[in-house]
Amino acid sequence: MVVPYELLSPEILNKLVEDFVTRNGAIHGHTDNTLGEMAASVRDQLANGGAEILFDEESQSWTIVQKTR
């Protein structure tokens, strides 16, 4: 199920984005971008429609994915 980011409180959205960024390389690999910069990039992608939040009811898990156009 797609979860519109606008329905989330700013605090929850920030936690989801930061968790997503850290799961996807911020602490597992080398990057020249800070955690804040990577999180801002993900938030921008959510805002401009380039990414979306997906929630799987069966596993009670979520992820952020790039939208295919």
Protein backbone atom coordinates (compact mmCIF):
# COMPACT_ATOMS: atom_id res chain seq x y z
CA MET A 1 0.00 0.00 0.00
CA VAL A 2 1.30 3.46 -0.90
CA VAL A 3 1.40 5.83 2.07
CA PRO A 4 1.25 9.50 1.06
CA TYR A 5 4.09 11.22 2.89
CA GLU A 6 1.83 14.22 3.52
CA LEU A 7 -0.29 12.12 5.89
CA LEU A 8 2.65 11.50 8.22
CA SER A 9 3.61 13.88 10.99
CA PRO A 10 6.93 15.66 10.38
CA GLU A 11 8.49 13.69 13.25
CA ILE A 12 7.43 10.30 11.87
CA LEU A 13 8.47 11.24 8.33
CA ASN A 14 11.90 12.33 9.55
CA LYS A 15 12.36 9.06 11.46
CA LEU A 16 11.32 6.98 8.43
CA VAL A 17 13.62 8.90 6.10
CA GLU A 18 16.60 8.76 8.48
CA ASP A 19 16.07 5.04 9.07
CA PHE A 20 15.84 4.45 5.33
CA VAL A 21 19.01 6.44 4.62
CA THR A 22 21.01 4.63 7.30
CA ARG A 23 19.78 1.23 6.08
CA ASN A 24 20.86 2.08 2.56
CA GLY A 25 24.50 3.00 2.90
CA ALA A 26 25.08 5.94 5.21
CA ILE A 27 26.87 3.78 7.75
CA HIS A 28 27.56 0.71 5.61
CA GLY A 29 29.56 2.36 2.86
CA HIS A 30 31.57 5.43 2.04
CA THR A 31 29.76 8.54 0.94
CA ASP A 32 30.70 12.19 0.61
CA ASN A 33 27.20 13.28 1.66
CA THR A 34 26.15 13.77 5.26
CA LEU A 35 23.19 11.97 6.77
CA GLY A 36 21.29 15.27 6.69
CA GLU A 37 22.04 15.80 3.00
CA MET A 38 20.95 12.28 2.08
CA ALA A 39 17.76 12.61 4.16
CA ALA A 40 16.99 15.97 2.50
CA SER A 41 17.43 14.36 -0.91
CA VAL A 42 14.96 11.58 -0.04
CA ARG A 43 12.44 14.11 1.33
CA ASP A 44 12.81 16.14 -1.90
CA GLN A 45 12.16 13.01 -3.98
CA LEU A 46 9.04 12.27 -1.94
CA ALA A 47 7.83 15.84 -2.39
CA ASN A 48 8.44 15.96 -6.15
CA GLY A 49 6.89 12.54 -6.82
CA GLY A 50 10.15 10.76 -7.60
CA ALA A 51 9.80 8.38 -4.65
CA GLU A 52 7.04 6.95 -2.49
CA ILE A 53 6.58 5.18 0.82
CA LEU A 54 5.27 1.62 0.63
CA PHE A 55 3.82 -0.27 3.58
CA ASP A 56 3.35 -4.04 3.51
CA GLU A 57 0.48 -4.96 5.79
CA GLU A 58 1.37 -8.64 5.92
CA SER A 59 4.93 -8.12 7.17
CA GLN A 60 4.17 -4.81 8.89
CA SER A 61 7.20 -3.33 7.17
CA TRP A 62 7.80 -0.26 5.05
CA THR A 63 10.30 1.04 2.52
CA ILE A 64 10.88 4.02 0.31
CA VAL A 65 11.19 3.31 -3.41
CA GLN A 66 11.82 5.34 -6.50
CA LYS A 67 8.75 5.60 -8.67
CA THR A 68 9.01 4.29 -12.18
CA ARG A 69 7.65 6.70 -14.71
